[in-house]
Protein backbone atom coordinates (compact mmCIF):
# COMPACT_ATOMS: atom_id res chain seq x y z
CA MET A 1 107.02 75.63 128.85
CA TYR A 2 107.73 72.23 127.39
CA SER A 3 109.29 69.13 128.89
CA CYS A 4 112.17 67.69 126.96
CA ASN A 5 113.70 64.24 127.24
CA ALA A 6 115.42 64.38 123.86
CA LEU A 7 119.14 64.15 123.35
CA PHE A 8 119.31 67.76 122.15
CA MET A 9 117.72 70.93 123.49
CA ALA A 10 116.71 74.31 122.15
CA SER A 11 119.03 76.87 120.55
CA ILE A 12 119.73 80.13 122.39
CA CYS A 13 119.86 83.51 120.63
CA PHE A 14 121.08 86.39 122.82
CA TYR A 15 120.64 89.91 121.46
CA PHE A 16 121.67 93.12 123.29
CA GLN A 17 120.71 96.68 122.38
CA LEU A 18 122.96 99.75 122.84
CA HIS A 19 121.31 103.16 122.70
CA GLN A 20 121.53 106.58 124.31
CA PRO A 21 119.56 109.61 123.05
CA TYR A 22 120.79 113.16 122.70
CA ARG A 23 118.75 114.97 125.35
CA LEU A 24 117.53 118.50 124.71
CA GLY A 25 119.08 121.44 126.50
CA ASP A 26 117.14 123.94 128.60
CA PHE A 27 115.78 125.89 125.65
CA ASP A 28 113.05 128.44 126.48
CA LEU A 29 110.65 130.69 124.60
CA PHE A 30 112.95 133.67 125.12
CA ASP A 31 115.67 131.82 123.20
CA LEU A 32 113.65 131.60 119.99
CA GLY A 33 115.61 132.86 116.99
CA ILE A 34 118.73 133.68 119.01
CA GLY A 35 122.13 132.26 118.05
CA GLU A 36 122.64 128.96 116.27
CA ALA A 37 120.00 126.27 116.31
CA ASP A 38 121.99 123.80 118.40
CA TYR A 39 119.31 122.50 120.71
CA PHE A 40 121.59 119.85 122.22
CA ALA A 41 124.65 122.00 122.99
CA ALA A 42 123.35 123.17 126.36
CA SER A 43 122.88 119.57 127.42
CA LYS A 44 126.25 118.29 126.15
CA ASN A 45 127.71 118.05 129.64
CA TYR A 46 124.53 116.36 130.84
CA ASN A 47 124.60 113.84 127.99
CA GLN A 48 128.30 113.25 128.60
CA LYS A 49 127.75 112.75 132.32
CA ILE A 50 124.99 110.20 131.73
CA PHE A 51 126.90 108.33 129.05
CA GLN A 52 130.08 108.09 131.10
CA LYS A 53 128.15 107.00 134.20
CA VAL A 54 126.39 104.21 132.31
CA ALA A 55 129.64 103.29 130.57
CA GLN A 56 131.35 102.75 133.93
CA LYS A 57 128.46 100.84 135.44
CA SER A 58 127.34 98.83 132.43
CA TYR A 59 128.89 99.20 128.97
CA LEU A 60 132.55 98.74 129.90
CA PRO A 61 132.21 95.88 132.41
CA MET A 62 129.59 94.00 130.38
CA LEU A 63 131.37 94.33 127.05
CA ALA A 64 134.60 93.24 128.76
CA LEU A 65 132.80 90.22 130.21
CA LEU A 66 131.33 89.32 126.83
CA LEU A 67 134.79 89.54 125.27
CA GLN A 68 136.21 87.34 128.02
CA LEU A 69 133.47 84.77 127.48
CA THR A 70 134.16 84.60 123.73
CA LYS A 71 137.76 83.70 124.57
CA VAL A 72 136.83 81.11 127.19
CA HIS A 73 134.04 79.53 125.12
CA GLU A 74 134.57 79.27 121.38
CA ASN A 75 130.96 78.18 120.96
CA PHE A 76 129.57 81.31 122.63
CA LYS A 77 127.89 83.59 120.09
CA PHE A 78 125.58 86.54 120.47
CA THR A 79 124.18 89.58 118.68
CA LEU A 80 124.56 93.33 119.22
CA SER A 81 122.86 96.38 117.81
CA ALA A 82 124.07 99.93 118.47
CA THR A 83 122.36 103.07 117.23
CA GLY A 84 124.37 105.59 115.29
CA ILE A 85 123.86 108.26 117.93
CA PHE A 86 125.05 105.81 120.59
CA LEU A 87 128.24 105.22 118.61
CA GLU A 88 128.72 108.99 118.15
CA GLN A 89 128.55 109.57 121.89
CA ALA A 90 130.77 106.58 122.61
CA GLN A 91 133.45 108.04 120.35
CA ASP A 92 133.14 111.44 122.05
CA PHE A 93 132.64 110.46 125.68
CA ALA A 94 133.96 106.89 126.18
CA PRO A 95 136.19 105.69 123.32
CA GLN A 96 137.01 102.53 125.30
CA VAL A 97 133.47 101.38 124.48
CA ILE A 98 134.26 101.57 120.75
CA GLU A 99 137.51 99.68 121.30
CA LEU A 100 135.70 96.88 123.09
CA LEU A 101 133.05 96.70 120.37
CA GLN A 102 135.78 96.51 117.74
CA SER A 103 137.48 93.70 119.66
CA LEU A 104 134.17 91.83 119.82
CA ALA A 105 133.58 92.33 116.10
CA ALA A 106 137.03 90.87 115.39
CA THR A 107 136.21 87.61 117.21
CA GLY A 108 133.81 86.44 114.51
CA GLN A 109 131.46 85.30 117.29
CA VAL A 110 129.33 88.44 117.34
CA GLU A 111 126.73 89.56 114.82
CA PHE A 112 125.96 93.26 114.45
CA LEU A 113 122.46 94.19 113.32
CA SER A 114 121.24 97.09 111.25
CA GLU A 115 118.68 99.67 112.41
CA THR A 116 117.79 103.35 112.02
CA TYR A 117 120.81 105.55 112.72
CA HIS A 118 118.91 108.00 114.92
CA HIS A 119 116.64 105.45 116.65
CA THR A 120 113.49 106.85 115.09
CA LEU A 121 109.92 105.95 114.16
CA ALA A 122 110.54 106.86 110.51
CA SER A 123 109.24 103.45 109.36
CA LEU A 124 105.76 104.67 110.42
CA TYR A 125 105.93 108.11 108.81
CA SER A 126 108.32 108.22 105.85
CA PRO A 127 109.66 105.26 103.82
CA THR A 128 112.16 107.62 102.18
CA GLU A 129 113.56 108.90 105.46
CA PHE A 130 113.53 105.38 106.89
CA ALA A 131 115.69 104.10 104.02
CA ALA A 132 118.06 107.06 104.38
CA GLN A 133 118.61 106.42 108.09
CA VAL A 134 119.16 102.70 107.53
CA LYS A 135 121.77 103.57 104.90
CA LEU A 136 123.53 105.90 107.34
CA HIS A 137 123.59 103.15 109.96
CA ARG A 138 124.99 100.59 107.54
CA GLN A 139 127.76 103.03 106.68
CA VAL A 140 128.83 103.63 110.27
CA ILE A 141 128.88 99.90 111.06
CA LYS A 142 131.06 99.34 108.00
CA LYS A 143 133.36 102.21 108.95
CA LEU A 144 133.84 101.29 112.62
CA PHE A 145 133.69 97.49 112.50
CA ASN A 146 134.21 96.56 108.84
CA LEU A 147 130.95 94.61 108.89
CA GLU A 148 127.90 94.66 106.65
CA PRO A 149 124.76 93.84 108.66
CA LYS A 150 122.45 91.28 107.08
CA VAL A 151 119.62 91.31 109.62
CA PHE A 152 117.43 94.22 110.72
CA ARG A 153 115.88 95.27 114.02
CA ASN A 154 113.62 98.28 113.93
CA THR A 155 113.52 100.97 116.59
CA GLU A 156 111.67 99.66 119.67
CA LEU A 157 111.13 96.38 117.76
CA VAL A 158 108.32 98.18 115.89
CA TYR A 159 106.89 95.86 113.24
CA SER A 160 103.96 95.42 110.88
CA ASN A 161 103.29 93.77 107.52
CA GLN A 162 103.99 97.07 105.79
CA ILE A 163 107.28 97.61 107.63
CA ALA A 164 108.37 94.08 106.72
CA GLU A 165 107.90 95.01 103.06
CA LEU A 166 110.12 98.08 103.50
CA VAL A 167 112.82 95.98 105.19
CA ALA A 168 112.65 93.28 102.50
CA GLU A 169 113.07 95.94 99.80
CA LEU A 170 116.28 97.07 101.49
CA GLY A 171 117.74 93.60 100.97
CA PHE A 172 117.90 92.23 104.51
CA ALA A 173 117.92 88.49 105.15
CA GLY A 174 115.51 88.72 108.09
CA MET A 175 114.21 90.78 110.98
CA LEU A 176 113.67 90.71 114.75
CA THR A 177 110.46 91.72 116.50
CA GLU A 178 108.09 91.02 119.39
CA ALA A 179 105.78 88.03 119.89
CA VAL A 180 102.32 89.52 120.46
CA PRO A 181 99.54 87.06 121.41
CA ARG A 182 96.73 88.87 119.54
CA TYR A 183 98.55 88.15 116.27
CA LEU A 184 100.57 85.05 117.14
CA GLY A 185 97.64 83.29 118.80
CA GLU A 186 98.55 80.13 120.69
CA ARG A 187 101.45 79.32 118.39
CA PRO A 188 104.87 79.07 120.09
CA LYS A 189 107.16 82.11 120.01
CA THR A 190 110.10 79.73 119.71
CA GLN A 191 109.82 79.16 115.95
CA VAL A 192 110.94 81.12 112.90
CA TYR A 193 107.99 82.87 111.26
CA TRP A 194 107.49 84.65 107.95
CA SER A 195 106.10 88.06 107.19
CA GLN A 196 102.86 88.43 105.29
CA GLY A 197 103.20 89.32 101.60
CA GLU A 198 104.92 88.38 98.37
CA GLU A 199 108.44 89.19 99.57
CA ALA A 200 108.19 87.02 102.70
CA LEU A 201 110.84 87.89 105.28
CA PRO A 202 111.89 85.43 108.01
CA LEU A 203 111.34 86.67 111.56
CA LEU A 204 112.70 85.93 115.02
CA LEU A 205 110.29 86.67 117.87
CA LYS A 206 111.41 87.79 121.31
CA HIS A 207 110.69 85.46 124.23
CA ALA A 208 109.41 88.23 126.47
CA GLN A 209 108.92 86.14 129.60
CA LEU A 210 112.43 84.72 129.75
CA SER A 211 114.00 87.98 128.56
CA ASP A 212 112.19 90.05 131.16
CA ASP A 213 113.01 87.57 133.91
CA ILE A 214 116.55 88.87 133.55
CA ALA A 215 115.96 92.44 132.35
CA PHE A 216 113.19 93.48 134.76
CA ARG A 217 112.57 90.84 137.43
CA PHE A 218 116.07 89.69 138.34
CA SER A 219 116.29 91.73 141.57
CA GLN A 220 112.55 91.95 142.28
CA LYS A 221 112.14 90.33 145.69
CA SER A 222 108.35 90.11 145.36
CA TRP A 223 108.68 87.97 142.21
CA ALA A 224 107.90 84.27 142.65
CA GLY A 225 111.10 83.36 140.81
CA TYR A 226 113.36 85.35 143.14
CA PRO A 227 116.22 84.75 143.68
CA LEU A 228 117.10 83.94 140.09
CA THR A 229 120.21 81.79 139.97
CA ALA A 230 122.10 80.62 136.89
CA ASP A 231 121.21 77.01 137.73
CA LYS A 232 117.51 77.82 137.95
CA TYR A 233 117.44 79.77 134.70
CA TYR A 234 119.49 77.12 132.92
CA HIS A 235 116.98 74.50 134.06
CA TRP A 236 114.15 76.57 132.55
CA LEU A 237 116.02 76.63 129.21
CA THR A 238 116.40 72.84 129.23
CA GLN A 239 112.63 72.43 129.25
CA TYR A 240 112.30 73.28 125.55
CA TYR A 241 112.35 70.95 122.54
CA PRO A 242 115.44 70.67 120.28
CA ASP A 243 113.68 72.35 117.32
CA GLU A 244 112.83 75.44 119.38
CA LEU A 245 114.66 78.75 119.35
CA ILE A 246 114.74 80.84 122.53
CA ASN A 247 115.27 84.50 121.60
CA LEU A 248 116.51 86.48 124.60
CA PHE A 249 116.42 90.17 123.67
CA MET A 250 117.31 92.92 126.16
CA ASP A 251 119.18 96.20 126.61
CA LEU A 252 122.85 95.82 127.44
CA GLU A 253 122.14 98.28 130.24
CA THR A 254 120.31 95.44 131.99
CA PHE A 255 123.74 94.53 133.29
CA GLY A 256 125.04 97.10 135.75
CA GLU A 257 122.54 99.92 135.17
CA HIS A 258 119.00 98.51 135.42
CA GLN A 259 120.26 95.63 137.55
CA TRP A 260 123.15 96.92 139.63
CA GLU A 261 126.36 94.98 140.09
CA ASP A 262 125.56 94.23 143.74
CA THR A 263 122.51 92.22 142.64
CA GLY A 264 124.92 89.63 141.25
CA ILE A 265 123.80 90.16 137.66
CA PHE A 266 127.29 89.90 136.14
CA LYS A 267 128.14 86.68 137.99
CA PHE A 268 124.72 85.28 137.10
CA PHE A 269 125.35 85.86 133.40
CA GLU A 270 128.89 84.49 133.50
CA PHE A 271 127.77 81.30 135.25
CA LEU A 272 124.79 80.93 132.90
CA ILE A 273 127.01 81.10 129.81
CA ASP A 274 129.37 78.58 131.41
CA LEU A 275 126.47 76.17 131.98
CA ILE A 276 125.12 76.48 128.45
CA SER A 277 128.54 76.35 126.79
CA ASN A 278 129.51 73.19 128.65
CA ASP A 279 126.29 71.40 127.73
CA GLU A 280 126.84 69.68 124.37
CA ARG A 281 123.08 69.37 123.90
CA MET A 282 122.64 73.16 123.69
CA GLN A 283 123.95 75.72 121.21
CA PHE A 284 124.21 79.46 120.79
CA VAL A 285 123.07 80.89 117.46
CA THR A 286 122.93 84.26 115.73
CA PRO A 287 120.05 85.48 113.54
CA SER A 288 122.06 85.18 110.33
CA GLU A 289 122.89 81.57 111.14
CA VAL A 290 119.23 80.79 111.71
CA PHE A 291 118.06 82.53 108.54
CA GLY A 292 120.89 81.04 106.49
CA LYS A 293 119.57 77.53 107.12
CA LEU A 294 116.09 78.31 105.84
CA LYS A 295 115.40 76.98 102.38
CA VAL A 296 111.83 77.91 101.47
CA LYS A 297 108.81 79.48 103.10
CA SER A 298 107.13 76.86 105.25
CA TYR A 299 103.41 76.51 105.87
CA GLU A 300 100.66 79.09 106.20
CA SER A 301 100.76 78.45 109.95
CA LYS A 302 104.23 80.02 109.94
CA VAL A 303 103.03 83.42 108.69
CA TYR A 304 103.05 86.18 111.31
CA ASP A 305 100.30 88.46 110.06
CA VAL A 306 100.56 91.84 111.81
CA PRO A 307 98.26 94.39 110.12
CA GLU A 308 98.73 97.05 112.85
CA PRO A 309 102.17 98.02 114.22
CA ILE A 310 103.46 96.35 117.37
CA SER A 311 106.47 96.97 119.64
CA TRP A 312 108.17 95.64 122.77
CA ALA A 313 106.61 98.24 125.03
CA ASP A 314 104.08 98.13 127.85
CA VAL A 315 101.33 95.60 128.47
CA ASP A 316 99.69 95.88 125.06
CA ARG A 317 102.93 95.72 123.02
CA ASP A 318 101.60 98.47 120.74
CA LEU A 319 102.68 102.02 119.84
CA THR A 320 100.82 103.87 122.59
CA ALA A 321 104.10 104.54 124.40
CA TRP A 322 105.04 106.98 121.62
CA ILE A 323 102.03 108.06 119.54
CA ASP A 324 98.92 107.72 121.71
CA ASN A 325 98.19 111.13 123.23
CA PRO A 326 97.67 114.60 121.64
CA LEU A 327 101.06 115.82 122.87
CA GLN A 328 102.91 113.09 121.00
CA GLN A 329 100.71 113.27 117.93
CA ASP A 330 101.11 117.03 117.64
CA CYS A 331 104.90 116.87 117.77
CA LEU A 332 105.21 113.93 115.41
CA SER A 333 102.90 115.34 112.75
CA LYS A 334 104.64 118.74 112.77
CA LEU A 335 108.08 117.15 112.80
CA TYR A 336 107.53 114.96 109.74
CA GLU A 337 105.82 117.80 107.87
CA LEU A 338 109.29 119.36 107.72
CA GLU A 339 110.84 116.52 105.71
CA ILE A 340 110.33 117.91 102.20
CA PRO A 341 111.39 121.52 102.92
CA ILE A 342 114.35 120.55 105.11
CA LYS A 343 115.72 118.29 102.39
CA GLN A 344 115.42 121.06 99.80
CA ILE A 345 118.09 123.24 101.40
CA PRO A 346 121.86 122.54 101.53
CA ASN A 347 122.13 122.73 105.30
CA SER A 348 123.44 119.52 106.79
CA LYS A 349 123.28 120.89 110.33
CA LEU A 350 119.54 121.56 110.14
CA LEU A 351 119.00 118.12 108.63
CA GLU A 352 120.99 116.46 111.43
CA THR A 353 119.05 118.46 114.03
CA TRP A 354 115.76 117.36 112.47
CA ARG A 355 116.88 113.73 112.58
CA ARG A 356 117.99 113.92 116.21
CA LEU A 357 114.55 115.29 117.06
CA GLN A 358 113.04 112.14 115.54
CA THR A 359 114.65 109.93 118.19
CA SER A 360 111.83 107.92 119.77
CA ASP A 361 112.89 108.73 123.33
CA HIS A 362 111.56 112.30 123.01
CA PHE A 363 108.03 110.98 122.47
CA TYR A 364 108.39 108.25 125.08
CA TYR A 365 108.98 110.99 127.66
CA MET A 366 105.62 112.55 126.69
CA CYS A 367 103.66 109.38 127.47
CA THR A 368 100.86 110.01 130.01
CA LYS A 369 100.11 106.42 131.01
CA TRP A 370 99.49 105.42 134.61
CA ALA A 371 100.10 102.36 136.79
CA ALA A 372 103.00 100.01 135.96
CA ASP A 373 103.47 101.28 132.40
CA GLY A 374 103.63 104.86 133.66
CA ASP A 375 106.24 103.95 136.26
CA VAL A 376 108.54 102.59 133.55
CA HIS A 377 108.17 105.77 131.48
CA ALA A 378 108.90 107.97 134.48
CA TYR A 379 112.01 105.92 135.32
CA PHE A 380 113.60 106.68 131.95
CA SER A 381 112.52 110.30 131.59
CA PRO A 382 114.81 113.25 132.47
CA TYR A 383 111.74 115.49 132.89
CA GLU A 384 109.46 116.06 135.86
CA SER A 385 106.36 115.34 133.78
CA PRO A 386 105.20 114.43 130.26
CA LEU A 387 103.90 117.99 129.89
CA GLU A 388 107.38 119.37 130.58
CA ALA A 389 108.82 117.03 127.95
CA TYR A 390 106.23 118.30 125.47
CA ARG A 391 106.83 121.95 126.36
CA LYS A 392 110.57 121.78 125.73
CA PHE A 393 110.25 119.75 122.57
CA SER A 394 107.51 121.93 121.07
CA ILE A 395 109.54 125.11 121.69
CA VAL A 396 112.53 123.61 119.90
CA LEU A 397 110.34 122.37 117.06
CA ALA A 398 108.77 125.82 116.64
CA ASP A 399 112.22 127.40 116.48
CA LEU A 400 113.45 124.88 113.92
CA THR A 401 110.34 125.46 111.81
CA SER A 402 110.89 129.22 111.95
CA ARG A 403 114.58 128.94 110.98
CA LEU A 404 113.71 126.64 108.13
CA ALA A 405 111.05 129.02 106.81
CA SER A 406 113.55 131.89 106.82
CA THR A 407 115.94 129.94 104.56
CA LEU A 408 113.39 129.01 101.91
């Protein structure tokens, strides 16, 4: 960190992600070709149960707290991103979540980002499908919140030079991603960077250490920083220079689900926002505000050259959480091979099914990593093992492929 004796301090950019996948039902080999191809119907009650549980523990209390804080502190601003399939489930299972999001949108203190509707890895496999899903997401944000997102965050913060070109072509003002040392080098993650290429896109990089201090380490008693108080964390923020930007990116589920209410996470956040809001030397910012103040591309030292895709995940911040092993690779290759034929038939239900199967969570569950990374994967998975996740997904994919072939 940096010491700071200046009159002003760094800017703070909070961004929270909202996502829940549609989990597959208990579909077996004996079910192939029988009935309608609704692979998620059998798990509707399960998906509903999970969504409503997390809504009670996290979404509703945290969104209510955020709304309260916007009323108490006019200078409090932050950013949200919600996948299309999250918003679908919220409308079906917990409409109060939508109402709170609409109230937040109406404050003018919250920026909503754009992303892929189905939370997919399409940016790696199909530029055409990627653009289609981004369009669908823009439409639902406009419909529900009357907003037009200007900034993009890709699924799992996946980013590369090539993906930046795709995002720039779609007309976004900037993008969020991860700060990865092998590409950033020793340069600070607290600056705005530019993508490599002719259509340079401004980028905000996640401050993983400070973000994860809240998201993962807050209640970890073995951590040297435990217990994490609002005063302590606020002091860490004051150690940065006034021209630095601290990007704190995390799941909204951090509050109440990953860190339970009895850890004090809600009070911690409320007190932290009070401290920052009442300090005239500090300010909250949103990505659009930051990008709107940029005039021209800066120096070559500001280019974030990322030739191979990166993400937020695991120690290496690469794509191995989703595409590393033969199980994942087999499913992904077969899934995206269906794009051309599935778009040739007038069957919106099959197309929607195909897109739900692209959701990155399905492949995350198939990850076979060990040690700390493996523990995180196991925590989020509804399956007993990666092999079980692969078995269920591959059966469904085989059935979808067969149904598609019969219609052509």
